[in-house]
């Protein structure tokens, strides 16, 4: 299982701690330190679509209007912290966020 996020994200830390406590072996991938490669971006975007872009983030609000018009792939490539977090890849499914639905699916 891979958890994609950033180390300063409280939600990512909560998810990581809960998944480990539930017995999952989780590899943390800090997208700020090591941005996603083209294959990973493509796979995650294919699974999650445009929902992967966090349009409520400080990063998004800080972008000039012309920088917001790129493709989802180009936006995530240029600004890795635009990605909603966490993204959890179990190897069988890809989950976005740490809401009750994701917790129910992964903490059983």
PDB file of N, CA and C in Angstrom:
ATOM      1  N   UNK A   1       0.851  -1.171   0.000  1.00  0.00           N
ATOM      2  CA  UNK A   1       0.000   0.000   0.000  1.00  0.00           C
ATOM      3  C   UNK A   1       0.893   1.229   0.000  1.00  0.00           C
ATOM      4  N   UNK A   2       0.512   2.197  -0.830  1.00  0.00           N
ATOM      5  CA  UNK A   2       1.265   3.448  -0.916  1.00  0.00           C
ATOM      6  C   UNK A   2       0.330   4.596  -0.553  1.00  0.00           C
ATOM      7  N   UNK A   3       0.772   5.456   0.336  1.00  0.00           N
ATOM      8  CA  UNK A   3       0.026   6.654   0.679  1.00  0.00           C
ATOM      9  C   UNK A   3       0.795   7.836   0.093  1.00  0.00           C
ATOM     10  N   UNK A   4       0.157   8.536  -0.840  1.00  0.00           N
ATOM     11  CA  UNK A   4       0.747   9.716  -1.455  1.00  0.00           C
ATOM     12  C   UNK A   4       0.239  10.948  -0.724  1.00  0.00           C
ATOM     13  N   UNK A   5       1.147  11.824  -0.329  1.00  0.00           N
ATOM     14  CA  UNK A   5       0.765  13.040   0.372  1.00  0.00           C
ATOM     15  C   UNK A   5       1.981  13.893   0.613  1.00  0.00           C
ATOM     16  N   UNK A   6       1.896  14.749   1.629  1.00  0.00           N
ATOM     17  CA  UNK A   6       3.050  15.535   2.054  1.00  0.00           C
ATOM     18  C   UNK A   6       3.193  15.371   3.559  1.00  0.00           C
ATOM     19  N   UNK A   7       4.426  15.407   4.018  1.00  0.00           N
ATOM     20  CA  UNK A   7       4.687  15.083   5.424  1.00  0.00           C
ATOM     21  C   UNK A   7       4.106  16.098   6.393  1.00  0.00           C
ATOM     22  N   UNK A   8       3.814  17.316   5.938  1.00  0.00           N
ATOM     23  CA  UNK A   8       3.253  18.331   6.832  1.00  0.00           C
ATOM     24  C   UNK A   8       1.725  18.305   6.881  1.00  0.00           C
ATOM     25  N   UNK A   9       1.101  17.394   6.140  1.00  0.00           N
ATOM     26  CA  UNK A   9      -0.359  17.312   6.087  1.00  0.00           C
ATOM     27  C   UNK A   9      -0.888  16.502   7.269  1.00  0.00           C
ATOM     28  N   UNK A  10      -1.692  17.129   8.118  1.00  0.00           N
ATOM     29  CA  UNK A  10      -2.255  16.440   9.285  1.00  0.00           C
ATOM     30  C   UNK A  10      -3.104  15.241   8.889  1.00  0.00           C
ATOM     31  N   UNK A  11      -3.899  15.383   7.834  1.00  0.00           N
ATOM     32  CA  UNK A  11      -4.753  14.284   7.394  1.00  0.00           C
ATOM     33  C   UNK A  11      -3.918  13.101   6.917  1.00  0.00           C
ATOM     34  N   UNK A  12      -2.836  13.369   6.220  1.00  0.00           N
ATOM     35  CA  UNK A  12      -1.947  12.290   5.770  1.00  0.00           C
ATOM     36  C   UNK A  12      -1.335  11.571   6.969  1.00  0.00           C
ATOM     37  N   UNK A  13      -0.923  12.333   7.968  1.00  0.00           N
ATOM     38  CA  UNK A  13      -0.340  11.713   9.167  1.00  0.00           C
ATOM     39  C   UNK A  13      -1.374  10.869   9.903  1.00  0.00           C
ATOM     40  N   UNK A  14      -2.611  11.362  10.019  1.00  0.00           N
ATOM     41  CA  UNK A  14      -3.675  10.592  10.669  1.00  0.00           C
ATOM     42  C   UNK A  14      -3.943   9.299   9.913  1.00  0.00           C
ATOM     43  N   UNK A  15      -4.033   9.386   8.602  1.00  0.00           N
ATOM     44  CA  UNK A  15      -4.291   8.208   7.779  1.00  0.00           C
ATOM     45  C   UNK A  15      -3.164   7.194   7.916  1.00  0.00           C
ATOM     46  N   UNK A  16      -1.941   7.658   7.853  1.00  0.00           N
ATOM     47  CA  UNK A  16      -0.776   6.785   7.968  1.00  0.00           C
ATOM     48  C   UNK A  16      -0.770   6.058   9.306  1.00  0.00           C
ATOM     49  N   UNK A  17      -1.043   6.791  10.373  1.00  0.00           N
ATOM     50  CA  UNK A  17      -1.064   6.206  11.714  1.00  0.00           C
ATOM     51  C   UNK A  17      -2.186   5.179  11.851  1.00  0.00           C
ATOM     52  N   UNK A  18      -3.377   5.499  11.359  1.00  0.00           N
ATOM     53  CA  UNK A  18      -4.515   4.585  11.459  1.00  0.00           C
ATOM     54  C   UNK A  18      -4.302   3.328  10.619  1.00  0.00           C
ATOM     55  N   UNK A  19      -3.759   3.487   9.429  1.00  0.00           N
ATOM     56  CA  UNK A  19      -3.504   2.330   8.566  1.00  0.00           C
ATOM     57  C   UNK A  19      -2.464   1.410   9.188  1.00  0.00           C
ATOM     58  N   UNK A  20      -1.410   1.978   9.746  1.00  0.00           N
ATOM     59  CA  UNK A  20      -0.370   1.175  10.404  1.00  0.00           C
ATOM     60  C   UNK A  20      -0.950   0.461  11.617  1.00  0.00           C
ATOM     61  N   UNK A  21      -1.791   1.151  12.386  1.00  0.00           N
ATOM     62  CA  UNK A  21      -2.413   0.539  13.566  1.00  0.00           C
ATOM     63  C   UNK A  21      -3.345  -0.605  13.182  1.00  0.00           C
ATOM     64  N   UNK A  22      -3.911  -0.526  11.975  1.00  0.00           N
ATOM     65  CA  UNK A  22      -4.806  -1.580  11.490  1.00  0.00           C
ATOM     66  C   UNK A  22      -4.032  -2.745  10.878  1.00  0.00           C
ATOM     67  N   UNK A  23      -2.703  -2.657  10.903  1.00  0.00           N
ATOM     68  CA  UNK A  23      -1.874  -3.758  10.421  1.00  0.00           C
ATOM     69  C   UNK A  23      -1.442  -3.671   8.969  1.00  0.00           C
ATOM     70  N   UNK A  24      -1.713  -2.556   8.317  1.00  0.00           N
ATOM     71  CA  UNK A  24      -1.300  -2.394   6.917  1.00  0.00           C
ATOM     72  C   UNK A  24       0.168  -1.986   6.844  1.00  0.00           C
ATOM     73  N   UNK A  25       0.859  -2.530   5.883  1.00  0.00           N
ATOM     74  CA  UNK A  25       2.225  -2.078   5.595  1.00  0.00           C
ATOM     75  C   UNK A  25       2.089  -0.949   4.583  1.00  0.00           C
ATOM     76  N   UNK A  26       2.432   0.249   5.023  1.00  0.00           N
ATOM     77  CA  UNK A  26       2.218   1.434   4.206  1.00  0.00           C
ATOM     78  C   UNK A  26       3.554   2.091   3.889  1.00  0.00           C
ATOM     79  N   UNK A  27       3.751   2.379   2.612  1.00  0.00           N
ATOM     80  CA  UNK A  27       4.911   3.161   2.182  1.00  0.00           C
ATOM     81  C   UNK A  27       4.412   4.575   1.926  1.00  0.00           C
ATOM     82  N   UNK A  28       5.050   5.557   2.571  1.00  0.00           N
ATOM     83  CA  UNK A  28       4.662   6.953   2.410  1.00  0.00           C
ATOM     84  C   UNK A  28       5.473   7.574   1.282  1.00  0.00           C
ATOM     85  N   UNK A  29       4.785   8.227   0.358  1.00  0.00           N
ATOM     86  CA  UNK A  29       5.447   8.915  -0.752  1.00  0.00           C
ATOM     87  C   UNK A  29       5.134  10.401  -0.622  1.00  0.00           C
ATOM     88  N   UNK A  30       6.130  11.189  -0.239  1.00  0.00           N
ATOM     89  CA  UNK A  30       5.978  12.632  -0.103  1.00  0.00           C
ATOM     90  C   UNK A  30       6.111  13.265  -1.488  1.00  0.00           C
ATOM     91  N   UNK A  31       4.983  13.745  -2.023  1.00  0.00           N
ATOM     92  CA  UNK A  31       4.983  14.278  -3.390  1.00  0.00           C
ATOM     93  C   UNK A  31       5.672  15.629  -3.496  1.00  0.00           C
ATOM     94  N   UNK A  32       5.883  16.284  -2.368  1.00  0.00           N
ATOM     95  CA  UNK A  32       6.643  17.533  -2.412  1.00  0.00           C
ATOM     96  C   UNK A  32       8.135  17.218  -2.537  1.00  0.00           C
ATOM     97  N   UNK A  33       8.600  16.237  -1.791  1.00  0.00           N
ATOM     98  CA  UNK A  33      10.020  15.860  -1.816  1.00  0.00           C
ATOM     99  C   UNK A  33      10.383  15.108  -3.100  1.00  0.00           C
ATOM    100  N   UNK A  34       9.489  14.208  -3.530  1.00  0.00           N
ATOM    101  CA  UNK A  34       9.716  13.405  -4.736  1.00  0.00           C
ATOM    102  C   UNK A  34       8.428  13.453  -5.569  1.00  0.00           C
ATOM    103  N   UNK A  35       8.332  14.435  -6.484  1.00  0.00           N
ATOM    104  CA  UNK A  35       7.117  14.556  -7.286  1.00  0.00           C
ATOM    105  C   UNK A  35       6.802  13.268  -8.057  1.00  0.00           C
ATOM    106  N   UNK A  36       5.517  13.097  -8.336  1.00  0.00           N
ATOM    107  CA  UNK A  36       5.087  11.917  -9.076  1.00  0.00           C
ATOM    108  C   UNK A  36       5.674  11.919 -10.476  1.00  0.00           C
ATOM    109  N   UNK A  37       6.090  10.753 -10.925  1.00  0.00           N
ATOM    110  CA  UNK A  37       6.570  10.601 -12.285  1.00  0.00           C
ATOM    111  C   UNK A  37       5.384  10.516 -13.249  1.00  0.00           C
ATOM    112  N   UNK A  38       5.645  10.577 -14.538  1.00  0.00           N
ATOM    113  CA  UNK A  38       4.563  10.551 -15.527  1.00  0.00           C
ATOM    114  C   UNK A  38       3.664   9.311 -15.424  1.00  0.00           C
ATOM    115  N   UNK A  39       4.248   8.154 -15.180  1.00  0.00           N
ATOM    116  CA  UNK A  39       3.444   6.931 -15.091  1.00  0.00           C
ATOM    117  C   UNK A  39       2.520   6.954 -13.881  1.00  0.00           C
ATOM    118  N   UNK A  40       3.034   7.386 -12.737  1.00  0.00           N
ATOM    119  CA  UNK A  40       2.203   7.473 -11.533  1.00  0.00           C
ATOM    120  C   UNK A  40       1.100   8.511 -11.705  1.00  0.00           C
ATOM    121  N   UNK A  41       1.448   9.667 -12.249  1.00  0.00           N
ATOM    122  CA  UNK A  41       0.429  10.703 -12.485  1.00  0.00           C
ATOM    123  C   UNK A  41      -0.665  10.168 -13.391  1.00  0.00           C
ATOM    124  N   UNK A  42      -0.274   9.528 -14.462  1.00  0.00           N
ATOM    125  CA  UNK A  42      -1.242   8.989 -15.420  1.00  0.00           C
ATOM    126  C   UNK A  42      -2.162   7.966 -14.766  1.00  0.00           C
ATOM    127  N   UNK A  43      -1.602   7.075 -13.974  1.00  0.00           N
ATOM    128  CA  UNK A  43      -2.379   6.032 -13.298  1.00  0.00           C
ATOM    129  C   UNK A  43      -3.362   6.634 -12.307  1.00  0.00           C
ATOM    130  N   UNK A  44      -2.912   7.595 -11.516  1.00  0.00           N
ATOM    131  CA  UNK A  44      -3.786   8.217 -10.525  1.00  0.00           C
ATOM    132  C   UNK A  44      -4.865   9.069 -11.180  1.00  0.00           C
ATOM    133  N   UNK A  45      -4.519   9.792 -12.221  1.00  0.00           N
ATOM    134  CA  UNK A  45      -5.499  10.622 -12.921  1.00  0.00           C
ATOM    135  C   UNK A  45      -6.528   9.747 -13.626  1.00  0.00           C
ATOM    136  N   UNK A  46      -6.079   8.635 -14.181  1.00  0.00           N
ATOM    137  CA  UNK A  46      -7.016   7.709 -14.833  1.00  0.00           C
ATOM    138  C   UNK A  46      -8.032   7.184 -13.814  1.00  0.00           C
ATOM    139  N   UNK A  47      -7.583   6.896 -12.610  1.00  0.00           N
ATOM    140  CA  UNK A  47      -8.456   6.353 -11.574  1.00  0.00           C
ATOM    141  C   UNK A  47      -9.346   7.419 -10.937  1.00  0.00           C
ATOM    142  N   UNK A  48      -8.812   8.626 -10.744  1.00  0.00           N
ATOM    143  CA  UNK A  48      -9.525   9.644  -9.964  1.00  0.00           C
ATOM    144  C   UNK A  48     -10.047  10.812 -10.781  1.00  0.00           C
ATOM    145  N   UNK A  49      -9.552  10.951 -11.988  1.00  0.00           N
ATOM    146  CA  UNK A  49      -9.990  12.053 -12.837  1.00  0.00           C
ATOM    147  C   UNK A  49      -9.571  13.407 -12.294  1.00  0.00           C
ATOM    148  N   UNK A  50     -10.353  14.396 -12.635  1.00  0.00           N
ATOM    149  CA  UNK A  50     -10.068  15.776 -12.255  1.00  0.00           C
ATOM    150  C   UNK A  50     -10.236  16.013 -10.753  1.00  0.00           C
ATOM    151  N   UNK A  51     -10.858  15.074 -10.060  1.00  0.00           N
ATOM    152  CA  UNK A  51     -11.059  15.217  -8.605  1.00  0.00           C
ATOM    153  C   UNK A  51      -9.742  15.251  -7.852  1.00  0.00           C
ATOM    154  N   UNK A  52      -8.670  14.810  -8.489  1.00  0.00           N
ATOM    155  CA  UNK A  52      -7.370  14.787  -7.825  1.00  0.00           C
ATOM    156  C   UNK A  52      -6.819  16.201  -7.603  1.00  0.00           C
ATOM    157  N   UNK A  53      -7.320  17.187  -8.326  1.00  0.00           N
ATOM    158  CA  UNK A  53      -6.844  18.566  -8.170  1.00  0.00           C
ATOM    159  C   UNK A  53      -7.638  19.248  -7.060  1.00  0.00           C
ATOM    160  N   UNK A  54      -6.929  19.757  -6.071  1.00  0.00           N
ATOM    161  CA  UNK A  54      -7.556  20.429  -4.931  1.00  0.00           C
ATOM    162  C   UNK A  54      -7.702  21.918  -5.234  1.00  0.00           C
ATOM    163  N   UNK A  55      -8.883  22.272  -5.705  1.00  0.00           N
ATOM    164  CA  UNK A  55      -9.146  23.665  -6.078  1.00  0.00           C
ATOM    165  C   UNK A  55      -9.487  24.541  -4.873  1.00  0.00           C
ATOM    166  N   UNK A  56      -9.448  23.979  -3.684  1.00  0.00           N
ATOM    167  CA  UNK A  56      -9.669  24.763  -2.463  1.00  0.00           C
ATOM    168  C   UNK A  56      -8.361  25.020  -1.729  1.00  0.00           C
ATOM    169  N   UNK A  57      -7.257  24.570  -2.287  1.00  0.00           N
ATOM    170  CA  UNK A  57      -5.967  24.664  -1.597  1.00  0.00           C
ATOM    171  C   UNK A  57      -5.341  26.049  -1.718  1.00  0.00           C
ATOM    172  N   UNK A  58      -4.420  26.314  -0.809  1.00  0.00           N
ATOM    173  CA  UNK A  58      -3.657  27.559  -0.867  1.00  0.00           C
ATOM    174  C   UNK A  58      -2.817  27.611  -2.137  1.00  0.00           C
ATOM    175  N   UNK A  59      -2.329  26.457  -2.572  1.00  0.00           N
ATOM    176  CA  UNK A  59      -1.540  26.406  -3.807  1.00  0.00           C
ATOM    177  C   UNK A  59      -2.387  26.874  -4.982  1.00  0.00           C
ATOM    178  N   UNK A  60      -3.617  26.364  -5.080  1.00  0.00           N
ATOM    179  CA  UNK A  60      -4.516  26.745  -6.175  1.00  0.00           C
ATOM    180  C   UNK A  60      -4.818  28.247  -6.120  1.00  0.00           C
ATOM    181  N   UNK A  61      -5.138  28.743  -4.933  1.00  0.00           N
ATOM    182  CA  UNK A  61      -5.470  30.166  -4.798  1.00  0.00           C
ATOM    183  C   UNK A  61      -4.284  31.057  -5.153  1.00  0.00           C
ATOM    184  N   UNK A  62      -3.084  30.543  -4.977  1.00  0.00           N
ATOM    185  CA  UNK A  62      -1.891  31.319  -5.280  1.00  0.00           C
ATOM    186  C   UNK A  62      -1.489  31.305  -6.742  1.00  0.00           C
ATOM    187  N   UNK A  63      -2.125  30.460  -7.535  1.00  0.00           N
ATOM    188  CA  UNK A  63      -1.779  30.397  -8.958  1.00  0.00           C
ATOM    189  C   UNK A  63      -2.425  31.538  -9.724  1.00  0.00           C
ATOM    190  N   UNK A  64      -1.701  32.128 -10.670  1.00  0.00           N
ATOM    191  CA  UNK A  64      -2.334  33.124 -11.531  1.00  0.00           C
ATOM    192  C   UNK A  64      -3.376  32.427 -12.417  1.00  0.00           C
ATOM    193  N   UNK A  65      -4.407  33.139 -12.841  1.00  0.00           N
ATOM    194  CA  UNK A  65      -5.485  32.513 -13.629  1.00  0.00           C
ATOM    195  C   UNK A  65      -5.003  31.730 -14.848  1.00  0.00           C
ATOM    196  N   UNK A  66      -3.998  32.221 -15.522  1.00  0.00           N
ATOM    197  CA  UNK A  66      -3.521  31.520 -16.723  1.00  0.00           C
ATOM    198  C   UNK A  66      -2.863  30.184 -16.380  1.00  0.00           C
ATOM    199  N   UNK A  67      -2.331  30.043 -15.167  1.00  0.00           N
ATOM    200  CA  UNK A  67      -1.698  28.783 -14.762  1.00  0.00           C
ATOM    201  C   UNK A  67      -2.734  27.733 -14.368  1.00  0.00           C
ATOM    202  N   UNK A  68      -3.971  28.127 -14.162  1.00  0.00           N
ATOM    203  CA  UNK A  68      -5.029  27.198 -13.753  1.00  0.00           C
ATOM    204  C   UNK A  68      -5.690  26.490 -14.923  1.00  0.00           C
ATOM    205  N   UNK A  69      -5.306  26.826 -16.134  1.00  0.00           N
ATOM    206  CA  UNK A  69      -6.001  26.310 -17.311  1.00  0.00           C
ATOM    207  C   UNK A  69      -5.358  25.060 -17.910  1.00  0.00           C
ATOM    208  N   UNK A  70      -4.280  24.592 -17.363  1.00  0.00           N
ATOM    209  CA  UNK A  70      -3.600  23.427 -17.914  1.00  0.00           C
ATOM    210  C   UNK A  70      -4.375  22.140 -17.682  1.00  0.00           C
ATOM    211  N   UNK A  71      -3.895  21.086 -18.272  1.00  0.00           N
ATOM    212  CA  UNK A  71      -4.499  19.771 -18.051  1.00  0.00           C
ATOM    213  C   UNK A  71      -4.228  19.336 -16.612  1.00  0.00           C
ATOM    214  N   UNK A  72      -4.994  18.383 -16.156  1.00  0.00           N
ATOM    215  CA  UNK A  72      -4.791  17.853 -14.809  1.00  0.00           C
ATOM    216  C   UNK A  72      -3.361  17.346 -14.661  1.00  0.00           C
ATOM    217  N   UNK A  73      -2.865  16.631 -15.661  1.00  0.00           N
ATOM    218  CA  UNK A  73      -1.499  16.106 -15.613  1.00  0.00           C
ATOM    219  C   UNK A  73      -0.480  17.236 -15.511  1.00  0.00           C
ATOM    220  N   UNK A  74      -0.642  18.268 -16.322  1.00  0.00           N
ATOM    221  CA  UNK A  74       0.306  19.386 -16.310  1.00  0.00           C
ATOM    222  C   UNK A  74       0.255  20.138 -14.977  1.00  0.00           C
ATOM    223  N   UNK A  75      -0.946  20.303 -14.420  1.00  0.00           N
ATOM    224  CA  UNK A  75      -1.077  20.996 -13.137  1.00  0.00           C
ATOM    225  C   UNK A  75      -0.362  20.239 -12.020  1.00  0.00           C
ATOM    226  N   UNK A  76      -0.590  18.919 -11.935  1.00  0.00           N
ATOM    227  CA  UNK A  76       0.031  18.107 -10.881  1.00  0.00           C
ATOM    228  C   UNK A  76       1.547  18.020 -11.094  1.00  0.00           C
ATOM    229  N   UNK A  77       1.979  17.961 -12.346  1.00  0.00           N
ATOM    230  CA  UNK A  77       3.413  17.902 -12.634  1.00  0.00           C
ATOM    231  C   UNK A  77       4.110  19.195 -12.201  1.00  0.00           C
ATOM    232  N   UNK A  78       3.480  20.328 -12.487  1.00  0.00           N
ATOM    233  CA  UNK A  78       4.091  21.617 -12.176  1.00  0.00           C
ATOM    234  C   UNK A  78       3.946  21.997 -10.704  1.00  0.00           C
ATOM    235  N   UNK A  79       2.849  21.546 -10.079  1.00  0.00           N
ATOM    236  CA  UNK A  79       2.549  21.935  -8.696  1.00  0.00           C
ATOM    237  C   UNK A  79       2.075  20.692  -7.927  1.00  0.00           C
ATOM    238  N   UNK A  80       2.996  19.853  -7.484  1.00  0.00           N
ATOM    239  CA  UNK A  80       2.621  18.585  -6.832  1.00  0.00           C
ATOM    240  C   UNK A  80       1.684  18.746  -5.638  1.00  0.00           C
ATOM    241  N   UNK A  81       1.764  19.871  -4.929  1.00  0.00           N
ATOM    242  CA  UNK A  81       0.915  20.036  -3.758  1.00  0.00           C
ATOM    243  C   UNK A  81      -0.527  20.416  -4.122  1.00  0.00           C
ATOM    244  N   UNK A  82      -0.835  20.525  -5.413  1.00  0.00           N
ATOM    245  CA  UNK A  82      -2.217  20.710  -5.845  1.00  0.00           C
ATOM    246  C   UNK A  82      -3.025  19.426  -5.701  1.00  0.00           C
ATOM    247  N   UNK A  83      -2.336  18.325  -5.532  1.00  0.00           N
ATOM    248  CA  UNK A  83      -3.011  17.036  -5.419  1.00  0.00           C
ATOM    249  C   UNK A  83      -3.776  16.953  -4.108  1.00  0.00           C
ATOM    250  N   UNK A  84      -5.045  16.551  -4.180  1.00  0.00           N
ATOM    251  CA  UNK A  84      -5.796  16.303  -2.946  1.00  0.00           C
ATOM    252  C   UNK A  84      -5.106  15.183  -2.199  1.00  0.00           C
ATOM    253  N   UNK A  85      -5.176  15.250  -0.884  1.00  0.00           N
ATOM    254  CA  UNK A  85      -4.441  14.278  -0.078  1.00  0.00           C
ATOM    255  C   UNK A  85      -5.327  13.724   1.021  1.00  0.00           C
ATOM    256  N   UNK A  86      -4.999  12.527   1.439  1.00  0.00           N
ATOM    257  CA  UNK A  86      -4.054  11.595   0.829  1.00  0.00           C
ATOM    258  C   UNK A  86      -4.681  10.852  -0.348  1.00  0.00           C
ATOM    259  N   UNK A  87      -3.823  10.322  -1.190  1.00  0.00           N
ATOM    260  CA  UNK A  87      -4.221   9.352  -2.211  1.00  0.00           C
ATOM    261  C   UNK A  87      -3.621   8.034  -1.743  1.00  0.00           C
ATOM    262  N   UNK A  88      -4.464   7.014  -1.617  1.00  0.00           N
ATOM    263  CA  UNK A  88      -4.016   5.728  -1.091  1.00  0.00           C
ATOM    264  C   UNK A  88      -4.213   4.663  -2.157  1.00  0.00           C
ATOM    265  N   UNK A  89      -3.115   4.056  -2.561  1.00  0.00           N
ATOM    266  CA  UNK A  89      -3.126   2.995  -3.563  1.00  0.00           C
ATOM    267  C   UNK A  89      -2.915   1.665  -2.851  1.00  0.00           C
ATOM    268  N   UNK A  90      -3.943   0.833  -2.836  1.00  0.00           N
ATOM    269  CA  UNK A  90      -3.853  -0.460  -2.160  1.00  0.00           C
ATOM    270  C   UNK A  90      -3.294  -1.547  -3.065  1.00  0.00           C
ATOM    271  N   UNK A  91      -3.136  -1.241  -4.336  1.00  0.00           N
ATOM    272  CA  UNK A  91      -2.738  -2.255  -5.304  1.00  0.00           C
ATOM    273  C   UNK A  91      -3.953  -2.830  -6.021  1.00  0.00           C
ATOM    274  N   UNK A  92      -5.119  -2.720  -5.389  1.00  0.00           N
ATOM    275  CA  UNK A  92      -6.375  -3.174  -5.993  1.00  0.00           C
ATOM    276  C   UNK A  92      -7.308  -1.994  -6.282  1.00  0.00           C
ATOM    277  N   UNK A  93      -7.172  -0.939  -5.505  1.00  0.00           N
ATOM    278  CA  UNK A  93      -8.028   0.238  -5.648  1.00  0.00           C
ATOM    279  C   UNK A  93      -7.243   1.483  -5.247  1.00  0.00           C
ATOM    280  N   UNK A  94      -7.713   2.616  -5.745  1.00  0.00           N
ATOM    281  CA  UNK A  94      -7.098   3.893  -5.401  1.00  0.00           C
ATOM    282  C   UNK A  94      -8.167   4.749  -4.727  1.00  0.00           C
ATOM    283  N   UNK A  95      -7.846   5.223  -3.535  1.00  0.00           N
ATOM    284  CA  UNK A  95      -8.779   6.013  -2.734  1.00  0.00           C
ATOM    285  C   UNK A  95      -8.275   7.441  -2.602  1.00  0.00           C
ATOM    286  N   UNK A  96      -9.224   8.384  -2.586  1.00  0.00           N
ATOM    287  CA  UNK A  96      -8.890   9.797  -2.467  1.00  0.00           C
ATOM    288  C   UNK A  96      -9.455  10.343  -1.163  1.00  0.00           C
ATOM    289  N   UNK A  97      -8.595  10.948  -0.365  1.00  0.00           N
ATOM    290  CA  UNK A  97      -9.021  11.553   0.882  1.00  0.00           C
ATOM    291  C   UNK A  97      -9.013  10.564   2.035  1.00  0.00           C
ATOM    292  N   UNK A  98      -9.494  11.027   3.189  1.00  0.00           N
ATOM    293  CA  UNK A  98      -9.532  10.209   4.387  1.00  0.00           C
ATOM    294  C   UNK A  98     -10.895  10.365   5.057  1.00  0.00           C
ATOM    295  N   UNK A  99     -11.934  10.356   4.237  1.00  0.00           N
ATOM    296  CA  UNK A  99     -13.285  10.461   4.752  1.00  0.00           C
ATOM    297  C   UNK A  99     -13.765   9.144   5.325  1.00  0.00           C
ATOM    298  N   UNK A 100     -14.973   9.143   5.854  1.00  0.00           N
ATOM    299  CA  UNK A 100     -15.551   7.955   6.484  1.00  0.00           C
ATOM    300  C   UNK A 100     -15.633   6.779   5.519  1.00  0.00           C
ATOM    301  N   UNK A 101     -15.913   7.056   4.244  1.00  0.00           N
ATOM    302  CA  UNK A 101     -16.003   5.976   3.269  1.00  0.00           C
ATOM    303  C   UNK A 101     -14.660   5.292   3.051  1.00  0.00           C
ATOM    304  N   UNK A 102     -13.603   6.065   2.961  1.00  0.00           N
ATOM    305  CA  UNK A 102     -12.252   5.499   2.776  1.00  0.00           C
ATOM    306  C   UNK A 102     -11.826   4.755   4.036  1.00  0.00           C
ATOM    307  N   UNK A 103     -12.095   5.327   5.183  1.00  0.00           N
ATOM    308  CA  UNK A 103     -11.742   4.652   6.444  1.00  0.00           C
ATOM    309  C   UNK A 103     -12.481   3.332   6.574  1.00  0.00           C
ATOM    310  N   UNK A 104     -13.749   3.318   6.222  1.00  0.00           N
ATOM    311  CA  UNK A 104     -14.535   2.075   6.305  1.00  0.00           C
ATOM    312  C   UNK A 104     -13.968   1.013   5.366  1.00  0.00           C
ATOM    313  N   UNK A 105     -13.530   1.428   4.193  1.00  0.00           N
ATOM    314  CA  UNK A 105     -13.001   0.479   3.222  1.00  0.00           C
ATOM    315  C   UNK A 105     -11.637  -0.080   3.629  1.00  0.00           C
ATOM    316  N   UNK A 106     -10.837   0.729   4.321  1.00  0.00           N
ATOM    317  CA  UNK A 106      -9.453   0.335   4.576  1.00  0.00           C
ATOM    318  C   UNK A 106      -9.151  -0.110   6.002  1.00  0.00           C
ATOM    319  N   UNK A 107     -10.023   0.175   6.937  1.00  0.00           N
ATOM    320  CA  UNK A 107      -9.714  -0.133   8.334  1.00  0.00           C
ATOM    321  C   UNK A 107     -10.485  -1.325   8.870  1.00  0.00           C
ATOM    322  N   UNK A 108     -11.007  -2.163   8.022  1.00  0.00           N
ATOM    323  CA  UNK A 108     -11.771  -3.327   8.472  1.00  0.00           C
ATOM    324  C   UNK A 108     -10.873  -4.494   8.762  1.00  0.00           C
TER     325      UNK A 108
END
